[in-house]
Each structure stands twice: as structure tokens, then as C-alpha cells.
Amino acid sequence: MSITDLPSFHDGHLDGFITTGKTVSLYLRTQAGHKFTLLLGEPMVFRGSDFREGNILFDVKVRDASGLAPAEIAELLELSEVHAKVFDYERWLSKARENSLLLVESTPSYGGEFTAVCANIQLSDGYQLP
């Protein structure tokens, strides 16, 4: 899937997610009520937080993970201050480049949000169980 193929999820909803280890299924709904499953293949990192009833999205973005700054990587991996000073950012970025990893992240207007680094994404109509 092309990074630009995602529909607008502005004022849509993050209805939930299921992780299986090899995939993460994100259940998203547009403002108009159209349901989608965004499947993240081979996730290297996945974080979901602050889920509440309603979870309104501001947006969902996908970008090349090899362009992350060291501070973004430290935050993504939740590195302590000590570990952040000794972490091999170049090695991590090299792996991201070699594997064409993607960063997928949401910005909430209210409630839950997610951030992931994965090998590929696939968008399907409706809610699909893994």
C-alpha cells in the first residue's frame, strides 16, 4: 500500500486493536462511519495508550521509519535517559532502511492513540478479525 492511500480519519474513531505478535489489526472509522481495518505486518514496535470510550482521531499518518530523529527513536522505544545516551541509533536506522520499515501513528483529538513501526501495512474495508 502506498503511504498516501489512507483515507482521511480526521474526526473519525479508533475503535480498538488486536495484537497477535506477527500482526496488529487497528479498527478505524471515518467521520462518515465507514469502517476499516489497518493491518500492520511484522510490527517491530507497537504502543497503544489512553483508550477511552469514544477515541476521536485527529489524524493517522504513515511515514518512512528510516527518517526518524534520535529523540523520536528514544521516545518510541521508551529508552531511559541512560540508555538513550548509549543506544546505537545508526544501527537502528540502518535496520529501518534495510527492511523498509514504516512508522504508523495517530494523533488523537480525544482518547486513545497508537504508534507502531512495522514492515508493511494493508487497509481493508470493514472490521476483519486476524
N, C-alpha and C. Protein backbone atom coordinates (compact mmCIF):
# COMPACT_ATOMS: atom_id res chain seq x y z
N MET A 1 0.84 -1.18 0.00
CA MET A 1 0.00 0.00 0.00
C MET A 1 0.88 1.24 0.00
N SER A 2 0.48 2.19 -0.79
CA SER A 2 1.18 3.46 -0.82
C SER A 2 0.88 4.24 0.46
N ILE A 3 1.86 4.97 0.91
CA ILE A 3 1.70 5.76 2.12
C ILE A 3 0.59 6.80 1.95
N THR A 4 0.32 7.23 0.74
CA THR A 4 -0.69 8.27 0.51
C THR A 4 -2.09 7.70 0.30
N ASP A 5 -2.28 6.38 0.35
CA ASP A 5 -3.57 5.76 0.06
C ASP A 5 -4.56 5.75 1.22
N LEU A 6 -4.15 6.16 2.39
CA LEU A 6 -5.08 6.14 3.52
C LEU A 6 -6.17 7.20 3.37
N PRO A 7 -7.42 6.83 3.68
CA PRO A 7 -8.47 7.86 3.68
C PRO A 7 -8.26 8.80 4.85
N SER A 8 -8.97 9.90 4.85
CA SER A 8 -8.89 10.83 5.98
C SER A 8 -9.64 10.26 7.17
N PHE A 9 -8.94 10.18 8.29
CA PHE A 9 -9.58 9.73 9.53
C PHE A 9 -9.80 10.90 10.49
N HIS A 10 -9.67 12.14 9.98
CA HIS A 10 -9.89 13.32 10.81
C HIS A 10 -11.31 13.29 11.37
N ASP A 11 -11.43 13.43 12.68
CA ASP A 11 -12.69 13.35 13.41
C ASP A 11 -13.36 11.98 13.31
N GLY A 12 -12.58 10.98 12.88
CA GLY A 12 -13.05 9.60 12.90
C GLY A 12 -12.75 8.98 14.26
N HIS A 13 -12.81 7.65 14.32
CA HIS A 13 -12.67 6.97 15.60
C HIS A 13 -11.67 5.83 15.53
N LEU A 14 -10.96 5.63 16.62
CA LEU A 14 -10.12 4.47 16.84
C LEU A 14 -10.92 3.55 17.74
N ASP A 15 -11.51 2.50 17.15
CA ASP A 15 -12.43 1.65 17.90
C ASP A 15 -11.73 0.52 18.65
N GLY A 16 -10.47 0.24 18.31
CA GLY A 16 -9.75 -0.79 19.06
C GLY A 16 -8.62 -1.38 18.25
N PHE A 17 -7.98 -2.38 18.84
CA PHE A 17 -6.91 -3.09 18.16
C PHE A 17 -6.75 -4.49 18.74
N ILE A 18 -6.20 -5.39 17.93
CA ILE A 18 -5.87 -6.75 18.36
C ILE A 18 -4.44 -7.02 17.92
N THR A 19 -3.62 -7.49 18.85
CA THR A 19 -2.25 -7.86 18.51
C THR A 19 -2.14 -9.38 18.53
N THR A 20 -1.37 -9.93 17.56
CA THR A 20 -1.16 -11.37 17.51
C THR A 20 0.32 -11.72 17.57
N GLY A 21 1.18 -10.75 17.67
CA GLY A 21 2.62 -10.99 17.63
C GLY A 21 3.19 -10.73 16.25
N LYS A 22 2.58 -11.33 15.21
CA LYS A 22 3.05 -11.12 13.84
C LYS A 22 2.29 -10.01 13.13
N THR A 23 1.15 -9.62 13.71
CA THR A 23 0.36 -8.52 13.13
C THR A 23 -0.32 -7.73 14.23
N VAL A 24 -0.72 -6.52 13.86
CA VAL A 24 -1.60 -5.71 14.70
C VAL A 24 -2.74 -5.26 13.80
N SER A 25 -3.96 -5.53 14.22
CA SER A 25 -5.14 -5.07 13.49
C SER A 25 -5.71 -3.86 14.21
N LEU A 26 -5.75 -2.72 13.51
CA LEU A 26 -6.32 -1.49 14.06
C LEU A 26 -7.69 -1.28 13.44
N TYR A 27 -8.67 -0.99 14.28
CA TYR A 27 -10.03 -0.80 13.81
C TYR A 27 -10.37 0.68 13.83
N LEU A 28 -10.47 1.24 12.62
CA LEU A 28 -10.65 2.68 12.43
C LEU A 28 -11.97 2.95 11.73
N ARG A 29 -12.56 4.10 12.04
CA ARG A 29 -13.82 4.50 11.44
C ARG A 29 -13.73 5.97 11.04
N THR A 30 -14.12 6.28 9.81
CA THR A 30 -14.10 7.67 9.35
C THR A 30 -15.23 8.44 10.03
N GLN A 31 -15.19 9.76 9.87
CA GLN A 31 -16.24 10.61 10.44
C GLN A 31 -17.60 10.22 9.86
N ALA A 32 -17.62 9.77 8.61
CA ALA A 32 -18.88 9.36 7.96
C ALA A 32 -19.34 7.98 8.40
N GLY A 33 -18.52 7.28 9.21
CA GLY A 33 -18.93 5.98 9.72
C GLY A 33 -18.41 4.78 8.95
N HIS A 34 -17.60 5.00 7.91
CA HIS A 34 -17.04 3.89 7.13
C HIS A 34 -15.96 3.20 7.96
N LYS A 35 -16.09 1.88 8.12
CA LYS A 35 -15.17 1.11 8.94
C LYS A 35 -14.03 0.52 8.11
N PHE A 36 -12.83 0.53 8.70
CA PHE A 36 -11.64 -0.03 8.06
C PHE A 36 -10.83 -0.82 9.09
N THR A 37 -10.10 -1.81 8.58
CA THR A 37 -9.08 -2.49 9.37
C THR A 37 -7.74 -2.14 8.75
N LEU A 38 -6.85 -1.56 9.55
CA LEU A 38 -5.49 -1.27 9.11
C LEU A 38 -4.61 -2.35 9.73
N LEU A 39 -4.11 -3.25 8.88
CA LEU A 39 -3.29 -4.37 9.33
C LEU A 39 -1.82 -3.97 9.24
N LEU A 40 -1.13 -4.04 10.38
CA LEU A 40 0.29 -3.74 10.44
C LEU A 40 1.03 -5.07 10.45
N GLY A 41 1.81 -5.31 9.40
CA GLY A 41 2.53 -6.57 9.29
C GLY A 41 3.91 -6.50 9.91
N GLU A 42 4.27 -7.55 10.62
CA GLU A 42 5.58 -7.70 11.24
C GLU A 42 5.96 -6.47 12.08
N PRO A 43 5.14 -6.16 13.08
CA PRO A 43 5.45 -4.98 13.90
C PRO A 43 6.73 -5.18 14.72
N MET A 44 7.58 -4.19 14.66
CA MET A 44 8.80 -4.19 15.47
C MET A 44 8.52 -3.52 16.81
N VAL A 45 7.65 -2.51 16.77
CA VAL A 45 7.24 -1.76 17.95
C VAL A 45 5.75 -1.46 17.80
N PHE A 46 4.98 -1.63 18.87
CA PHE A 46 3.59 -1.17 18.88
C PHE A 46 3.27 -0.67 20.28
N ARG A 47 2.71 0.54 20.32
CA ARG A 47 2.25 1.13 21.58
C ARG A 47 0.86 1.71 21.37
N GLY A 48 -0.04 1.35 22.25
CA GLY A 48 -1.37 1.93 22.26
C GLY A 48 -1.63 2.44 23.67
N SER A 49 -2.21 3.62 23.80
CA SER A 49 -2.41 4.16 25.14
C SER A 49 -3.64 5.05 25.21
N ASP A 50 -4.07 5.31 26.44
CA ASP A 50 -5.15 6.26 26.76
C ASP A 50 -6.48 5.92 26.11
N PHE A 51 -6.77 4.63 25.92
CA PHE A 51 -8.04 4.26 25.31
C PHE A 51 -9.20 4.58 26.25
N ARG A 52 -10.23 5.19 25.66
CA ARG A 52 -11.43 5.58 26.38
C ARG A 52 -12.63 5.33 25.48
N GLU A 53 -13.79 5.46 26.03
CA GLU A 53 -14.98 5.36 25.19
C GLU A 53 -15.01 6.59 24.29
N GLY A 54 -15.06 6.38 22.99
CA GLY A 54 -15.13 7.49 22.06
C GLY A 54 -13.92 7.68 21.19
N ASN A 55 -12.72 7.66 21.70
CA ASN A 55 -11.46 7.74 20.96
C ASN A 55 -11.55 8.44 19.60
N ILE A 56 -11.57 9.75 19.62
CA ILE A 56 -11.69 10.53 18.38
C ILE A 56 -10.30 10.84 17.84
N LEU A 57 -10.13 10.58 16.55
CA LEU A 57 -8.84 10.80 15.88
C LEU A 57 -8.74 12.21 15.32
N PHE A 58 -7.55 12.76 15.41
CA PHE A 58 -7.24 13.97 14.65
C PHE A 58 -6.72 13.55 13.29
N ASP A 59 -5.75 12.60 13.28
CA ASP A 59 -5.26 12.06 12.02
C ASP A 59 -4.50 10.76 12.24
N VAL A 60 -4.23 10.07 11.13
CA VAL A 60 -3.39 8.88 11.10
C VAL A 60 -2.36 9.12 10.00
N LYS A 61 -1.09 8.96 10.36
CA LYS A 61 -0.01 9.22 9.39
C LYS A 61 0.87 7.98 9.25
N VAL A 62 1.40 7.83 8.04
CA VAL A 62 2.38 6.77 7.76
C VAL A 62 3.57 7.44 7.11
N ARG A 63 4.77 7.09 7.61
CA ARG A 63 5.98 7.64 7.00
C ARG A 63 7.11 6.64 7.12
N ASP A 64 8.16 6.89 6.38
CA ASP A 64 9.35 6.04 6.37
C ASP A 64 10.04 6.14 7.73
N ALA A 65 10.23 4.99 8.39
CA ALA A 65 10.83 4.99 9.73
C ALA A 65 12.32 5.32 9.70
N SER A 66 12.96 5.21 8.54
CA SER A 66 14.40 5.48 8.50
C SER A 66 14.71 6.97 8.61
N GLY A 67 13.69 7.83 8.59
CA GLY A 67 13.90 9.26 8.71
C GLY A 67 13.70 9.79 10.13
N LEU A 68 13.54 8.89 11.09
CA LEU A 68 13.32 9.33 12.47
C LEU A 68 14.58 9.95 13.07
N ALA A 69 14.38 10.95 13.89
CA ALA A 69 15.48 11.58 14.63
C ALA A 69 15.77 10.74 15.88
N PRO A 70 16.98 10.82 16.41
CA PRO A 70 17.31 10.07 17.63
C PRO A 70 16.31 10.29 18.78
N ALA A 71 15.87 11.52 18.98
CA ALA A 71 14.91 11.79 20.07
C ALA A 71 13.59 11.06 19.83
N GLU A 72 13.15 10.96 18.56
CA GLU A 72 11.92 10.23 18.24
C GLU A 72 12.08 8.74 18.50
N ILE A 73 13.24 8.19 18.17
CA ILE A 73 13.51 6.77 18.41
C ILE A 73 13.52 6.49 19.90
N ALA A 74 14.18 7.35 20.67
CA ALA A 74 14.25 7.17 22.12
C ALA A 74 12.85 7.19 22.73
N GLU A 75 12.01 8.09 22.27
CA GLU A 75 10.64 8.16 22.77
C GLU A 75 9.84 6.93 22.35
N LEU A 76 9.97 6.55 21.10
CA LEU A 76 9.26 5.39 20.56
C LEU A 76 9.60 4.11 21.32
N LEU A 77 10.90 3.93 21.60
CA LEU A 77 11.36 2.73 22.29
C LEU A 77 11.32 2.86 23.80
N GLU A 78 10.87 4.03 24.27
CA GLU A 78 10.78 4.33 25.70
C GLU A 78 12.10 4.07 26.41
N LEU A 79 13.19 4.60 25.81
CA LEU A 79 14.51 4.43 26.39
C LEU A 79 14.68 5.34 27.60
N SER A 80 15.29 4.82 28.63
CA SER A 80 15.61 5.65 29.79
C SER A 80 16.67 6.66 29.37
N GLU A 81 16.87 7.67 30.18
CA GLU A 81 17.88 8.69 29.87
C GLU A 81 19.27 8.05 29.71
N VAL A 82 19.59 7.10 30.56
CA VAL A 82 20.89 6.41 30.49
C VAL A 82 21.01 5.60 29.20
N HIS A 83 19.98 4.82 28.89
CA HIS A 83 20.01 4.00 27.67
C HIS A 83 20.01 4.86 26.41
N ALA A 84 19.31 5.98 26.44
CA ALA A 84 19.26 6.87 25.28
C ALA A 84 20.64 7.41 24.92
N LYS A 85 21.50 7.59 25.92
CA LYS A 85 22.85 8.11 25.67
C LYS A 85 23.75 7.09 24.99
N VAL A 86 23.50 5.79 25.19
CA VAL A 86 24.39 4.76 24.65
C VAL A 86 23.75 3.95 23.52
N PHE A 87 22.49 4.22 23.21
CA PHE A 87 21.78 3.47 22.18
C PHE A 87 22.42 3.70 20.82
N ASP A 88 22.50 2.65 20.00
CA ASP A 88 23.09 2.72 18.66
C ASP A 88 22.02 3.13 17.64
N TYR A 89 21.79 4.43 17.53
CA TYR A 89 20.76 4.96 16.64
C TYR A 89 21.06 4.64 15.17
N GLU A 90 22.33 4.73 14.78
CA GLU A 90 22.69 4.44 13.39
C GLU A 90 22.37 3.00 13.00
N ARG A 91 22.60 2.08 13.92
CA ARG A 91 22.29 0.67 13.65
C ARG A 91 20.78 0.50 13.49
N TRP A 92 20.00 1.15 14.37
CA TRP A 92 18.54 1.07 14.30
C TRP A 92 18.04 1.64 12.98
N LEU A 93 18.56 2.82 12.60
CA LEU A 93 18.15 3.45 11.34
C LEU A 93 18.57 2.62 10.13
N SER A 94 19.73 1.99 10.20
CA SER A 94 20.20 1.12 9.13
C SER A 94 19.24 -0.06 8.96
N LYS A 95 18.81 -0.64 10.06
CA LYS A 95 17.85 -1.75 10.00
C LYS A 95 16.52 -1.26 9.42
N ALA A 96 16.10 -0.06 9.81
CA ALA A 96 14.86 0.52 9.28
C ALA A 96 14.96 0.70 7.76
N ARG A 97 16.12 1.16 7.29
CA ARG A 97 16.33 1.35 5.84
C ARG A 97 16.35 0.01 5.12
N GLU A 98 17.13 -0.94 5.64
CA GLU A 98 17.26 -2.26 5.01
C GLU A 98 15.93 -2.97 4.89
N ASN A 99 15.07 -2.81 5.88
CA ASN A 99 13.79 -3.52 5.91
C ASN A 99 12.61 -2.65 5.45
N SER A 100 12.91 -1.44 4.97
CA SER A 100 11.86 -0.51 4.51
C SER A 100 10.75 -0.36 5.54
N LEU A 101 11.13 -0.18 6.81
CA LEU A 101 10.15 -0.09 7.88
C LEU A 101 9.35 1.21 7.81
N LEU A 102 8.12 1.11 8.26
CA LEU A 102 7.20 2.25 8.26
C LEU A 102 6.85 2.64 9.68
N LEU A 103 6.68 3.92 9.90
CA LEU A 103 6.16 4.44 11.15
C LEU A 103 4.69 4.77 10.91
N VAL A 104 3.81 4.20 11.72
CA VAL A 104 2.38 4.46 11.61
C VAL A 104 1.95 5.04 12.96
N GLU A 105 1.35 6.22 12.93
CA GLU A 105 0.98 6.86 14.19
C GLU A 105 -0.31 7.64 14.07
N SER A 106 -1.01 7.70 15.19
CA SER A 106 -2.22 8.50 15.23
C SER A 106 -1.99 9.68 16.17
N THR A 107 -2.73 10.73 15.89
CA THR A 107 -2.80 11.87 16.79
C THR A 107 -4.26 11.94 17.24
N PRO A 108 -4.50 11.87 18.54
CA PRO A 108 -5.89 11.88 18.99
C PRO A 108 -6.43 13.30 19.17
N SER A 109 -7.72 13.44 18.95
CA SER A 109 -8.43 14.63 19.41
C SER A 109 -8.93 14.37 20.82
N TYR A 110 -9.27 13.10 21.07
CA TYR A 110 -9.73 12.67 22.39
C TYR A 110 -9.45 11.19 22.54
N GLY A 111 -8.86 10.80 23.65
CA GLY A 111 -8.71 9.39 23.98
C GLY A 111 -7.49 8.73 23.38
N GLY A 112 -7.69 7.49 22.92
CA GLY A 112 -6.62 6.60 22.54
C GLY A 112 -5.78 7.04 21.36
N GLU A 113 -4.55 6.55 21.41
CA GLU A 113 -3.60 6.80 20.32
C GLU A 113 -2.72 5.58 20.16
N PHE A 114 -2.06 5.49 19.01
CA PHE A 114 -1.13 4.39 18.78
C PHE A 114 0.07 4.88 17.99
N THR A 115 1.17 4.16 18.15
CA THR A 115 2.39 4.37 17.39
C THR A 115 2.96 2.99 17.10
N ALA A 116 3.41 2.77 15.87
CA ALA A 116 3.96 1.47 15.50
C ALA A 116 5.06 1.63 14.47
N VAL A 117 6.00 0.71 14.50
CA VAL A 117 6.98 0.55 13.43
C VAL A 117 6.76 -0.86 12.90
N CYS A 118 6.53 -0.97 11.59
CA CYS A 118 6.20 -2.27 11.02
C CYS A 118 6.78 -2.39 9.61
N ALA A 119 6.75 -3.62 9.09
CA ALA A 119 7.31 -3.89 7.77
C ALA A 119 6.37 -3.50 6.64
N ASN A 120 5.05 -3.62 6.87
CA ASN A 120 4.09 -3.30 5.80
C ASN A 120 2.73 -3.01 6.41
N ILE A 121 1.87 -2.41 5.60
CA ILE A 121 0.50 -2.13 6.03
C ILE A 121 -0.46 -2.56 4.93
N GLN A 122 -1.67 -2.88 5.37
CA GLN A 122 -2.73 -3.24 4.43
C GLN A 122 -4.04 -2.69 4.98
N LEU A 123 -4.80 -2.00 4.15
CA LEU A 123 -6.07 -1.42 4.56
C LEU A 123 -7.21 -2.22 3.92
N SER A 124 -8.16 -2.65 4.75
CA SER A 124 -9.32 -3.42 4.26
C SER A 124 -10.60 -2.74 4.69
N ASP A 125 -11.63 -2.86 3.86
CA ASP A 125 -12.95 -2.37 4.23
C ASP A 125 -13.52 -3.23 5.35
N GLY A 126 -14.23 -2.60 6.26
CA GLY A 126 -14.88 -3.32 7.36
C GLY A 126 -13.88 -3.74 8.42
N TYR A 127 -14.42 -4.35 9.46
CA TYR A 127 -13.59 -4.85 10.55
C TYR A 127 -13.30 -6.32 10.30
N GLN A 128 -12.02 -6.63 10.14
CA GLN A 128 -11.57 -8.00 9.85
C GLN A 128 -10.84 -8.55 11.07
N LEU A 129 -11.25 -9.72 11.52
CA LEU A 129 -10.56 -10.37 12.63
C LEU A 129 -9.28 -11.02 12.10
N PRO A 130 -8.23 -11.04 12.92
CA PRO A 130 -6.96 -11.64 12.46
C PRO A 130 -7.08 -13.14 12.22
